N, C-alpha and C. Protein backbone atom coordinates (compact mmCIF):
# COMPACT_ATOMS: atom_id res chain seq x y z
N UNK A 1 5.32 28.32 44.41
CA UNK A 1 6.31 28.41 43.35
C UNK A 1 6.33 27.11 42.52
N UNK A 2 6.29 25.98 43.23
CA UNK A 2 6.31 24.68 42.56
C UNK A 2 5.06 24.51 41.69
N UNK A 3 3.92 24.96 42.20
CA UNK A 3 2.65 24.84 41.46
C UNK A 3 2.70 25.69 40.17
N UNK A 4 3.29 26.89 40.25
CA UNK A 4 3.41 27.75 39.07
C UNK A 4 4.29 27.08 38.02
N UNK A 5 5.40 26.47 38.47
CA UNK A 5 6.30 25.78 37.55
C UNK A 5 5.58 24.62 36.84
N UNK A 6 4.82 23.83 37.59
CA UNK A 6 4.08 22.69 37.01
C UNK A 6 3.04 23.18 36.01
N UNK A 7 2.32 24.27 36.36
CA UNK A 7 1.32 24.82 35.44
C UNK A 7 1.96 25.30 34.13
N UNK A 8 3.11 25.97 34.24
CA UNK A 8 3.82 26.44 33.04
C UNK A 8 4.30 25.26 32.20
N UNK A 9 4.78 24.21 32.88
CA UNK A 9 5.25 23.01 32.17
C UNK A 9 4.11 22.34 31.42
N UNK A 10 2.95 22.26 32.03
CA UNK A 10 1.77 21.67 31.38
C UNK A 10 1.37 22.48 30.15
N UNK A 11 1.40 23.81 30.28
CA UNK A 11 1.05 24.66 29.14
C UNK A 11 2.04 24.47 28.00
N UNK A 12 3.34 24.36 28.32
CA UNK A 12 4.35 24.15 27.28
C UNK A 12 4.13 22.83 26.55
N UNK A 13 3.82 21.79 27.29
CA UNK A 13 3.56 20.48 26.68
C UNK A 13 2.35 20.56 25.76
N UNK A 14 1.28 21.20 26.22
CA UNK A 14 0.07 21.32 25.43
C UNK A 14 0.34 22.11 24.15
N UNK A 15 1.08 23.23 24.26
CA UNK A 15 1.42 24.02 23.07
C UNK A 15 2.29 23.22 22.11
N UNK A 16 3.23 22.44 22.65
CA UNK A 16 4.09 21.60 21.82
C UNK A 16 3.26 20.56 21.05
N UNK A 17 2.32 19.92 21.73
CA UNK A 17 1.48 18.91 21.09
C UNK A 17 0.58 19.54 20.03
N UNK A 18 0.05 20.72 20.30
CA UNK A 18 -0.79 21.42 19.31
C UNK A 18 0.04 21.76 18.08
N UNK A 19 1.28 22.21 18.28
CA UNK A 19 2.15 22.53 17.15
C UNK A 19 2.42 21.28 16.31
N UNK A 20 2.66 20.14 16.98
CA UNK A 20 2.88 18.88 16.25
C UNK A 20 1.64 18.48 15.46
N UNK A 21 0.47 18.68 16.05
CA UNK A 21 -0.78 18.35 15.36
C UNK A 21 -0.90 19.16 14.07
N UNK A 22 -0.61 20.45 14.13
CA UNK A 22 -0.69 21.29 12.94
C UNK A 22 0.33 20.87 11.89
N UNK A 23 1.54 20.54 12.32
CA UNK A 23 2.58 20.13 11.38
C UNK A 23 2.16 18.87 10.64
N UNK A 24 1.71 17.85 11.41
CA UNK A 24 1.36 16.57 10.78
C UNK A 24 0.05 16.64 10.03
N UNK A 25 -0.89 17.45 10.49
CA UNK A 25 -2.16 17.54 9.76
C UNK A 25 -1.95 18.26 8.43
N UNK A 26 -1.04 19.25 8.40
CA UNK A 26 -0.79 19.93 7.13
C UNK A 26 -0.07 19.01 6.16
N UNK A 27 0.82 18.14 6.68
CA UNK A 27 1.48 17.20 5.77
C UNK A 27 0.52 16.14 5.30
N UNK A 28 -0.48 15.78 6.11
CA UNK A 28 -1.46 14.79 5.71
C UNK A 28 -2.47 15.35 4.72
N UNK A 29 -2.65 16.68 4.73
CA UNK A 29 -3.65 17.26 3.84
C UNK A 29 -3.21 17.20 2.38
N UNK A 30 -1.89 17.07 2.16
CA UNK A 30 -1.40 16.98 0.79
C UNK A 30 -1.11 15.53 0.45
N UNK A 31 -2.10 14.69 0.61
CA UNK A 31 -1.91 13.27 0.35
C UNK A 31 -1.71 13.02 -1.13
N UNK A 32 -1.05 11.90 -1.39
CA UNK A 32 -0.73 11.51 -2.76
C UNK A 32 -2.00 11.03 -3.47
N UNK A 33 -2.12 11.42 -4.73
CA UNK A 33 -3.22 10.91 -5.55
C UNK A 33 -2.73 9.67 -6.28
N UNK A 34 -3.38 8.55 -5.98
CA UNK A 34 -3.03 7.28 -6.61
C UNK A 34 -4.30 6.60 -7.07
N UNK A 35 -4.18 5.80 -8.13
CA UNK A 35 -5.35 5.12 -8.67
C UNK A 35 -4.98 3.70 -9.08
N UNK A 36 -5.82 2.75 -8.67
CA UNK A 36 -5.63 1.35 -9.03
C UNK A 36 -6.42 1.05 -10.29
N UNK A 37 -5.77 0.41 -11.27
CA UNK A 37 -6.45 -0.04 -12.48
C UNK A 37 -6.85 -1.50 -12.31
N UNK A 38 -8.03 -1.85 -12.80
CA UNK A 38 -8.52 -3.22 -12.61
C UNK A 38 -9.17 -3.31 -11.24
N UNK A 39 -9.00 -4.37 -10.54
CA UNK A 39 -8.31 -5.60 -10.91
C UNK A 39 -9.14 -6.45 -11.88
N UNK A 40 -8.43 -7.06 -12.82
CA UNK A 40 -9.07 -7.96 -13.77
C UNK A 40 -8.80 -9.39 -13.34
N UNK A 41 -9.86 -10.20 -13.31
CA UNK A 41 -9.75 -11.58 -12.86
C UNK A 41 -10.07 -12.50 -14.03
N UNK A 42 -9.23 -13.53 -14.19
CA UNK A 42 -9.55 -14.55 -15.19
C UNK A 42 -9.25 -15.93 -14.60
N UNK A 43 -10.02 -16.90 -15.05
CA UNK A 43 -9.83 -18.28 -14.60
C UNK A 43 -9.33 -19.07 -15.80
N UNK A 44 -8.16 -19.69 -15.63
CA UNK A 44 -7.55 -20.45 -16.71
C UNK A 44 -6.95 -21.72 -16.13
N UNK A 45 -7.34 -22.86 -16.67
CA UNK A 45 -6.88 -24.17 -16.21
C UNK A 45 -7.00 -24.30 -14.69
N UNK A 46 -8.19 -23.98 -14.20
CA UNK A 46 -8.56 -24.11 -12.78
C UNK A 46 -7.82 -23.15 -11.84
N UNK A 47 -7.08 -22.19 -12.37
CA UNK A 47 -6.37 -21.23 -11.53
C UNK A 47 -7.00 -19.85 -11.69
N UNK A 48 -7.07 -19.10 -10.58
CA UNK A 48 -7.56 -17.73 -10.61
C UNK A 48 -6.35 -16.80 -10.74
N UNK A 49 -6.34 -16.00 -11.80
CA UNK A 49 -5.25 -15.06 -12.07
C UNK A 49 -5.78 -13.63 -11.96
N UNK A 50 -4.92 -12.75 -11.44
CA UNK A 50 -5.29 -11.34 -11.27
C UNK A 50 -4.27 -10.46 -11.96
N UNK A 51 -4.76 -9.46 -12.68
CA UNK A 51 -3.91 -8.45 -13.31
C UNK A 51 -4.37 -7.08 -12.81
N UNK A 52 -3.42 -6.29 -12.33
CA UNK A 52 -3.75 -4.95 -11.81
C UNK A 52 -2.51 -4.07 -11.91
N UNK A 53 -2.71 -2.77 -11.74
CA UNK A 53 -1.59 -1.83 -11.74
C UNK A 53 -2.00 -0.59 -10.95
N UNK A 54 -1.03 0.24 -10.67
CA UNK A 54 -1.31 1.48 -9.94
C UNK A 54 -0.61 2.64 -10.64
N UNK A 55 -1.26 3.79 -10.67
CA UNK A 55 -0.65 5.00 -11.23
C UNK A 55 -0.65 6.09 -10.16
N UNK A 56 0.33 6.98 -10.24
CA UNK A 56 0.48 8.05 -9.27
C UNK A 56 0.44 9.41 -9.94
N UNK A 57 0.19 10.42 -9.13
CA UNK A 57 0.20 11.78 -9.66
C UNK A 57 1.64 12.26 -9.86
N UNK A 58 1.77 13.42 -10.50
CA UNK A 58 3.09 13.95 -10.83
C UNK A 58 3.92 14.27 -9.60
N UNK A 59 3.26 14.67 -8.52
CA UNK A 59 3.99 15.03 -7.29
C UNK A 59 4.75 13.82 -6.74
N UNK A 60 4.08 12.69 -6.68
CA UNK A 60 4.70 11.47 -6.17
C UNK A 60 5.86 11.04 -7.07
N UNK A 61 5.65 11.09 -8.38
CA UNK A 61 6.70 10.70 -9.32
C UNK A 61 7.89 11.65 -9.27
N UNK A 62 7.61 12.93 -9.05
CA UNK A 62 8.69 13.92 -8.95
C UNK A 62 9.55 13.66 -7.70
N UNK A 63 8.91 13.25 -6.60
CA UNK A 63 9.66 12.92 -5.38
C UNK A 63 10.61 11.77 -5.64
N UNK A 64 10.15 10.76 -6.38
CA UNK A 64 11.02 9.62 -6.70
C UNK A 64 12.19 10.08 -7.58
N UNK A 65 11.89 10.88 -8.60
CA UNK A 65 12.94 11.36 -9.50
C UNK A 65 13.99 12.18 -8.76
N UNK A 66 13.58 12.85 -7.68
CA UNK A 66 14.51 13.67 -6.90
C UNK A 66 15.30 12.87 -5.88
N UNK A 67 15.14 11.54 -5.90
CA UNK A 67 15.96 10.68 -5.04
C UNK A 67 15.30 10.20 -3.77
N UNK A 68 14.01 10.48 -3.57
CA UNK A 68 13.34 10.01 -2.36
C UNK A 68 12.91 8.56 -2.59
N UNK A 69 13.43 7.68 -1.75
CA UNK A 69 13.13 6.25 -1.86
C UNK A 69 11.70 5.99 -1.40
N UNK A 70 10.96 5.18 -2.16
CA UNK A 70 9.57 4.87 -1.83
C UNK A 70 9.41 3.36 -1.64
N UNK A 71 8.72 3.00 -0.57
CA UNK A 71 8.39 1.60 -0.33
C UNK A 71 6.88 1.44 -0.41
N UNK A 72 6.44 0.60 -1.32
CA UNK A 72 5.02 0.39 -1.56
C UNK A 72 4.66 -1.05 -1.20
N UNK A 73 3.53 -1.21 -0.54
CA UNK A 73 3.05 -2.54 -0.16
C UNK A 73 1.73 -2.80 -0.88
N UNK A 74 1.64 -3.93 -1.56
CA UNK A 74 0.45 -4.31 -2.30
C UNK A 74 -0.11 -5.61 -1.73
N UNK A 75 -1.41 -5.63 -1.52
CA UNK A 75 -2.10 -6.85 -1.08
C UNK A 75 -3.13 -7.20 -2.15
N UNK A 76 -3.07 -8.43 -2.64
CA UNK A 76 -4.05 -8.92 -3.61
C UNK A 76 -4.77 -10.08 -2.93
N UNK A 77 -6.04 -9.86 -2.55
CA UNK A 77 -6.76 -10.80 -1.71
C UNK A 77 -8.05 -11.29 -2.37
N UNK A 78 -8.34 -12.56 -2.16
CA UNK A 78 -9.57 -13.18 -2.65
C UNK A 78 -10.56 -13.31 -1.50
N UNK A 79 -11.79 -12.84 -1.73
CA UNK A 79 -12.84 -12.90 -0.72
C UNK A 79 -14.06 -13.63 -1.27
N UNK A 80 -14.74 -14.34 -0.38
CA UNK A 80 -16.01 -14.96 -0.73
C UNK A 80 -17.13 -14.07 -0.20
N UNK A 81 -18.16 -13.89 -1.00
CA UNK A 81 -19.28 -13.02 -0.64
C UNK A 81 -20.33 -13.84 0.11
N UNK A 82 -20.77 -13.32 1.25
CA UNK A 82 -21.86 -13.91 2.02
C UNK A 82 -22.96 -12.87 2.16
N UNK A 83 -24.20 -13.30 2.04
CA UNK A 83 -25.31 -12.35 2.11
C UNK A 83 -25.52 -11.79 3.51
N UNK A 84 -25.53 -12.66 4.50
CA UNK A 84 -25.86 -12.23 5.87
C UNK A 84 -24.63 -12.04 6.75
N UNK A 85 -23.45 -12.36 6.25
CA UNK A 85 -22.22 -12.30 7.04
C UNK A 85 -21.20 -11.42 6.34
N UNK A 86 -20.19 -10.98 7.06
CA UNK A 86 -19.12 -10.23 6.39
C UNK A 86 -18.41 -11.11 5.36
N UNK A 87 -17.81 -10.47 4.38
CA UNK A 87 -17.08 -11.21 3.35
C UNK A 87 -15.96 -12.02 4.00
N UNK A 88 -15.73 -13.22 3.46
CA UNK A 88 -14.76 -14.15 4.04
C UNK A 88 -13.45 -14.11 3.25
N UNK A 89 -12.34 -13.86 3.96
CA UNK A 89 -11.02 -13.89 3.32
C UNK A 89 -10.68 -15.34 2.99
N UNK A 90 -10.26 -15.59 1.75
CA UNK A 90 -9.94 -16.95 1.31
C UNK A 90 -8.44 -17.12 1.10
N UNK A 91 -7.84 -16.25 0.32
CA UNK A 91 -6.41 -16.35 0.01
C UNK A 91 -5.88 -14.99 -0.36
N UNK A 92 -4.58 -14.82 -0.25
CA UNK A 92 -4.00 -13.53 -0.61
C UNK A 92 -2.51 -13.60 -0.82
N UNK A 93 -2.00 -12.59 -1.51
CA UNK A 93 -0.57 -12.44 -1.71
C UNK A 93 -0.20 -11.00 -1.44
N UNK A 94 0.98 -10.82 -0.87
CA UNK A 94 1.48 -9.47 -0.59
C UNK A 94 2.83 -9.27 -1.27
N UNK A 95 3.02 -8.06 -1.75
CA UNK A 95 4.27 -7.70 -2.41
C UNK A 95 4.76 -6.37 -1.84
N UNK A 96 6.03 -6.30 -1.53
CA UNK A 96 6.65 -5.05 -1.12
C UNK A 96 7.59 -4.62 -2.24
N UNK A 97 7.31 -3.47 -2.81
CA UNK A 97 8.14 -2.97 -3.91
C UNK A 97 8.81 -1.67 -3.46
N UNK A 98 10.12 -1.62 -3.65
CA UNK A 98 10.90 -0.45 -3.29
C UNK A 98 11.44 0.18 -4.58
N UNK A 99 11.26 1.49 -4.68
CA UNK A 99 11.69 2.23 -5.88
C UNK A 99 12.69 3.30 -5.46
N UNK A 100 13.81 3.34 -6.15
CA UNK A 100 14.84 4.33 -5.79
C UNK A 100 15.54 4.84 -7.04
N UNK A 101 15.73 6.15 -7.09
CA UNK A 101 16.45 6.78 -8.20
C UNK A 101 17.64 7.53 -7.61
N UNK A 102 18.80 7.34 -8.22
CA UNK A 102 19.97 8.13 -7.86
C UNK A 102 20.17 9.17 -8.96
N UNK A 103 19.73 10.43 -8.71
CA UNK A 103 19.81 11.44 -9.77
C UNK A 103 21.24 11.77 -10.19
N UNK A 104 22.21 11.58 -9.28
CA UNK A 104 23.60 11.90 -9.60
C UNK A 104 24.18 10.86 -10.56
N UNK A 105 23.99 9.58 -10.22
CA UNK A 105 24.52 8.49 -11.04
C UNK A 105 23.57 8.10 -12.16
N UNK A 106 22.37 8.66 -12.16
CA UNK A 106 21.31 8.30 -13.10
C UNK A 106 21.06 6.79 -13.07
N UNK A 107 20.83 6.29 -11.86
CA UNK A 107 20.51 4.87 -11.67
C UNK A 107 19.05 4.72 -11.28
N UNK A 108 18.42 3.69 -11.80
CA UNK A 108 17.03 3.38 -11.50
C UNK A 108 16.98 1.96 -10.95
N UNK A 109 16.66 1.84 -9.66
CA UNK A 109 16.71 0.53 -8.99
C UNK A 109 15.37 0.24 -8.34
N UNK A 110 14.90 -0.99 -8.51
CA UNK A 110 13.65 -1.42 -7.86
C UNK A 110 13.84 -2.82 -7.32
N UNK A 111 13.20 -3.08 -6.18
CA UNK A 111 13.22 -4.42 -5.60
C UNK A 111 11.78 -4.86 -5.35
N UNK A 112 11.60 -6.17 -5.37
CA UNK A 112 10.29 -6.76 -5.10
C UNK A 112 10.49 -7.93 -4.15
N UNK A 113 9.66 -7.95 -3.10
CA UNK A 113 9.72 -9.03 -2.11
C UNK A 113 8.31 -9.54 -1.90
N UNK A 114 8.12 -10.85 -2.11
CA UNK A 114 6.79 -11.44 -1.91
C UNK A 114 6.72 -12.32 -0.67
N UNK A 115 7.71 -12.21 0.20
CA UNK A 115 7.74 -13.00 1.43
C UNK A 115 8.55 -14.27 1.31
N UNK A 116 8.74 -14.77 0.08
CA UNK A 116 9.54 -15.97 -0.11
C UNK A 116 10.79 -15.70 -0.93
N UNK A 117 10.72 -14.72 -1.81
CA UNK A 117 11.89 -14.39 -2.62
C UNK A 117 11.97 -12.89 -2.84
N UNK A 118 13.20 -12.44 -3.08
CA UNK A 118 13.43 -11.02 -3.34
C UNK A 118 14.16 -10.85 -4.66
N UNK A 119 13.69 -9.91 -5.47
CA UNK A 119 14.29 -9.62 -6.77
C UNK A 119 14.72 -8.16 -6.76
N UNK A 120 15.95 -7.91 -7.21
CA UNK A 120 16.47 -6.54 -7.32
C UNK A 120 16.87 -6.32 -8.78
N UNK A 121 16.37 -5.23 -9.37
CA UNK A 121 16.64 -4.97 -10.78
C UNK A 121 17.10 -3.54 -10.98
N UNK A 122 17.98 -3.37 -11.97
CA UNK A 122 18.40 -2.05 -12.41
C UNK A 122 17.79 -1.79 -13.78
N UNK A 123 17.41 -0.54 -14.02
CA UNK A 123 16.72 -0.21 -15.27
C UNK A 123 17.44 0.93 -15.97
N UNK A 124 17.22 0.98 -17.28
CA UNK A 124 17.86 2.02 -18.10
C UNK A 124 17.09 3.32 -18.07
N UNK A 125 15.78 3.24 -17.71
CA UNK A 125 14.98 4.47 -17.70
C UNK A 125 14.00 4.46 -16.52
N UNK A 126 13.55 5.63 -16.18
CA UNK A 126 12.58 5.80 -15.11
C UNK A 126 11.27 5.11 -15.46
N UNK A 127 10.85 5.25 -16.71
CA UNK A 127 9.58 4.67 -17.16
C UNK A 127 9.59 3.15 -17.11
N UNK A 128 10.71 2.53 -17.52
CA UNK A 128 10.77 1.06 -17.49
C UNK A 128 10.78 0.55 -16.05
N UNK A 129 11.37 1.30 -15.14
CA UNK A 129 11.35 0.91 -13.73
C UNK A 129 9.92 0.96 -13.19
N UNK A 130 9.19 2.03 -13.49
CA UNK A 130 7.81 2.13 -13.03
C UNK A 130 6.94 1.04 -13.64
N UNK A 131 7.16 0.75 -14.91
CA UNK A 131 6.39 -0.30 -15.60
C UNK A 131 6.53 -1.63 -14.86
N UNK A 132 7.74 -1.95 -14.44
CA UNK A 132 8.00 -3.21 -13.74
C UNK A 132 7.47 -3.19 -12.31
N UNK A 133 7.67 -2.06 -11.62
CA UNK A 133 7.36 -2.00 -10.19
C UNK A 133 5.88 -1.81 -9.88
N UNK A 134 5.13 -1.21 -10.79
CA UNK A 134 3.75 -0.84 -10.49
C UNK A 134 2.71 -1.68 -11.22
N UNK A 135 3.15 -2.70 -11.93
CA UNK A 135 2.23 -3.56 -12.67
C UNK A 135 2.32 -5.00 -12.18
N UNK A 136 1.18 -5.64 -12.08
CA UNK A 136 1.10 -7.04 -11.67
C UNK A 136 0.29 -7.77 -12.73
N UNK A 137 0.93 -8.68 -13.44
CA UNK A 137 0.24 -9.39 -14.51
C UNK A 137 0.13 -10.87 -14.19
N UNK A 138 -1.09 -11.38 -14.29
CA UNK A 138 -1.38 -12.79 -14.10
C UNK A 138 -0.78 -13.37 -12.81
N UNK A 139 -1.11 -12.72 -11.70
CA UNK A 139 -0.71 -13.22 -10.39
C UNK A 139 -1.63 -14.39 -10.03
N UNK A 140 -1.04 -15.56 -9.82
CA UNK A 140 -1.83 -16.74 -9.49
C UNK A 140 -2.27 -16.65 -8.03
N UNK A 141 -3.60 -16.63 -7.82
CA UNK A 141 -4.13 -16.39 -6.49
C UNK A 141 -4.64 -17.65 -5.81
N UNK A 142 -5.36 -18.49 -6.54
CA UNK A 142 -5.92 -19.70 -5.94
C UNK A 142 -6.34 -20.68 -7.02
N UNK A 143 -6.46 -21.94 -6.62
CA UNK A 143 -6.97 -22.98 -7.50
C UNK A 143 -8.44 -23.18 -7.18
N UNK A 144 -9.29 -23.18 -8.20
CA UNK A 144 -10.73 -23.27 -7.92
C UNK A 144 -11.12 -24.64 -7.35
N UNK A 145 -10.25 -25.64 -7.49
CA UNK A 145 -10.54 -26.94 -6.88
C UNK A 145 -10.40 -26.90 -5.36
N UNK A 146 -9.68 -25.90 -4.88
CA UNK A 146 -9.44 -25.79 -3.44
C UNK A 146 -10.46 -24.91 -2.71
N UNK A 147 -11.37 -24.30 -3.46
CA UNK A 147 -12.36 -23.43 -2.82
C UNK A 147 -13.77 -23.95 -3.12
N UNK A 148 -14.70 -23.63 -2.25
CA UNK A 148 -16.08 -24.07 -2.44
C UNK A 148 -16.77 -23.21 -3.49
N UNK A 149 -17.77 -23.80 -4.10
CA UNK A 149 -18.54 -23.08 -5.10
C UNK A 149 -19.22 -21.88 -4.45
N UNK A 150 -19.08 -20.70 -5.03
CA UNK A 150 -19.68 -19.51 -4.46
C UNK A 150 -19.37 -18.28 -5.29
N UNK A 151 -19.73 -17.13 -4.74
CA UNK A 151 -19.48 -15.84 -5.39
C UNK A 151 -18.27 -15.20 -4.72
N UNK A 152 -17.35 -14.73 -5.53
CA UNK A 152 -16.09 -14.20 -5.02
C UNK A 152 -15.77 -12.84 -5.64
N UNK A 153 -14.80 -12.15 -5.03
CA UNK A 153 -14.23 -10.94 -5.63
C UNK A 153 -12.79 -10.81 -5.16
N UNK A 154 -12.03 -10.00 -5.86
CA UNK A 154 -10.63 -9.74 -5.51
C UNK A 154 -10.52 -8.28 -5.06
N UNK A 155 -9.85 -8.07 -3.95
CA UNK A 155 -9.59 -6.71 -3.46
C UNK A 155 -8.09 -6.44 -3.54
N UNK A 156 -7.73 -5.33 -4.18
CA UNK A 156 -6.34 -4.89 -4.25
C UNK A 156 -6.18 -3.69 -3.33
N UNK A 157 -5.19 -3.77 -2.45
CA UNK A 157 -4.88 -2.67 -1.53
C UNK A 157 -3.44 -2.23 -1.78
N UNK A 158 -3.24 -0.94 -1.90
CA UNK A 158 -1.90 -0.38 -2.09
C UNK A 158 -1.67 0.67 -1.02
N UNK A 159 -0.50 0.62 -0.40
CA UNK A 159 -0.20 1.60 0.65
C UNK A 159 1.28 1.93 0.65
N UNK A 160 1.56 3.10 1.18
CA UNK A 160 2.94 3.54 1.33
C UNK A 160 3.06 4.18 2.71
N UNK A 161 4.02 3.69 3.48
CA UNK A 161 4.22 4.21 4.83
C UNK A 161 5.03 5.50 4.80
N UNK A 162 4.68 6.42 5.70
CA UNK A 162 5.51 7.61 5.88
C UNK A 162 6.66 7.23 6.79
N UNK A 163 7.61 8.13 6.94
CA UNK A 163 8.70 7.86 7.86
C UNK A 163 8.16 7.63 9.25
N UNK A 164 8.73 6.65 9.94
CA UNK A 164 8.22 6.30 11.27
C UNK A 164 8.51 7.43 12.26
N UNK A 165 7.53 7.68 13.12
CA UNK A 165 7.73 8.66 14.18
C UNK A 165 8.56 8.03 15.29
N UNK A 166 9.32 8.83 16.04
CA UNK A 166 10.01 8.29 17.21
C UNK A 166 8.97 7.70 18.17
N UNK A 167 9.32 6.63 18.91
CA UNK A 167 8.34 5.95 19.75
C UNK A 167 7.60 6.87 20.72
N UNK A 168 8.29 7.83 21.33
CA UNK A 168 7.64 8.70 22.31
C UNK A 168 6.58 9.57 21.64
N UNK A 169 6.85 10.03 20.40
CA UNK A 169 5.86 10.82 19.68
C UNK A 169 4.70 9.96 19.20
N UNK A 170 5.00 8.69 18.91
CA UNK A 170 3.95 7.78 18.46
C UNK A 170 2.85 7.62 19.49
N UNK A 171 3.21 7.68 20.77
CA UNK A 171 2.21 7.56 21.83
C UNK A 171 1.27 8.77 21.85
N UNK A 172 1.82 9.94 21.61
CA UNK A 172 1.02 11.16 21.65
C UNK A 172 0.29 11.42 20.34
N UNK A 173 0.83 10.88 19.23
CA UNK A 173 0.29 11.18 17.91
C UNK A 173 -0.43 9.97 17.31
N UNK A 174 -1.11 9.21 18.17
CA UNK A 174 -1.77 7.97 17.71
C UNK A 174 -2.84 8.24 16.66
N UNK A 175 -3.34 9.47 16.58
CA UNK A 175 -4.41 9.81 15.64
C UNK A 175 -3.87 10.18 14.27
N UNK A 176 -2.56 10.29 14.12
CA UNK A 176 -1.95 10.64 12.85
C UNK A 176 -1.72 9.35 12.05
N UNK A 177 -2.15 9.34 10.81
CA UNK A 177 -2.03 8.15 9.96
C UNK A 177 -0.57 7.80 9.73
N UNK A 178 -0.27 6.49 9.69
CA UNK A 178 1.08 6.02 9.39
C UNK A 178 1.31 5.92 7.89
N UNK A 179 0.26 6.11 7.10
CA UNK A 179 0.37 5.95 5.65
C UNK A 179 0.40 7.30 4.96
N UNK A 180 1.28 7.42 3.94
CA UNK A 180 1.19 8.61 3.10
C UNK A 180 -0.01 8.45 2.18
N UNK A 181 -0.36 7.19 1.87
CA UNK A 181 -1.63 6.91 1.22
C UNK A 181 -1.96 5.44 1.43
N UNK A 182 -3.24 5.14 1.34
CA UNK A 182 -3.73 3.76 1.38
C UNK A 182 -5.03 3.73 0.59
N UNK A 183 -5.03 2.97 -0.51
CA UNK A 183 -6.22 2.90 -1.35
C UNK A 183 -6.58 1.44 -1.61
N UNK A 184 -7.87 1.22 -1.90
CA UNK A 184 -8.36 -0.13 -2.19
C UNK A 184 -9.27 -0.07 -3.40
N UNK A 185 -9.31 -1.19 -4.11
CA UNK A 185 -10.27 -1.32 -5.21
C UNK A 185 -10.63 -2.79 -5.36
N UNK A 186 -11.91 -3.02 -5.66
CA UNK A 186 -12.39 -4.40 -5.76
C UNK A 186 -12.80 -4.73 -7.19
N UNK A 187 -12.66 -5.99 -7.52
CA UNK A 187 -13.07 -6.47 -8.83
C UNK A 187 -14.58 -6.69 -8.85
N UNK A 188 -15.10 -7.01 -10.01
CA UNK A 188 -16.50 -7.42 -10.10
C UNK A 188 -16.65 -8.79 -9.47
N UNK A 189 -17.85 -9.10 -9.03
CA UNK A 189 -18.13 -10.42 -8.48
C UNK A 189 -18.03 -11.47 -9.59
N UNK A 190 -17.57 -12.65 -9.23
CA UNK A 190 -17.52 -13.78 -10.16
C UNK A 190 -17.81 -15.07 -9.40
N UNK A 191 -18.29 -16.06 -10.12
CA UNK A 191 -18.60 -17.36 -9.52
C UNK A 191 -17.47 -18.32 -9.82
N UNK A 192 -17.03 -19.04 -8.79
CA UNK A 192 -15.96 -20.00 -8.96
C UNK A 192 -16.06 -21.04 -7.85
N UNK A 193 -15.22 -22.05 -7.96
CA UNK A 193 -15.16 -23.07 -6.92
C UNK A 193 -15.66 -24.41 -7.39
N UNK A 194 -15.37 -25.41 -6.59
CA UNK A 194 -15.81 -26.77 -6.91
C UNK A 194 -16.94 -27.16 -5.99
N UNK A 195 -17.80 -28.01 -6.47
CA UNK A 195 -18.93 -28.53 -5.66
C UNK A 195 -18.37 -29.62 -4.75
N UNK A 196 -18.50 -29.40 -3.44
CA UNK A 196 -17.94 -30.37 -2.49
C UNK A 196 -19.05 -31.10 -1.78
């Protein structure tokens, strides 16, 4: 009798896990379409500046308009190119941008956190909020006097986390992505640095 109970319990657990797999795989199949523009790199007065932006499909924008809060994380990283070795990380900056719309009050609020300071802004329109939150202009990345002469590129990574799973489910669902999307784009190679 005890063995039959244990066998039934095992089957129930397996069916439960299979059902969760189907639920999460179907939600992952409708991933957000996002595209990074640039990144454009310019060197001015010995500083490396990066300009980039991201655009989303209508589905993602409609979710925001309907009041779903979105947290986006952006990484802007400088890498040195090596022929025989993996690319070397040199410097980087990260930004966490939160976008929220209150459809009832018609409020448009966005925050930006770069690890040292946080800015919270209210906007008069949805478009002006997106313009501020999804564009990065002339981000100072590094001083060319501080890096060795070589070939470099900038990689921009943008990601958005889905709602966190409860810890117990996280153990069983380790194969399910934590991101609703994660995209990367690299700049063209450029030469910079000082002769040391």
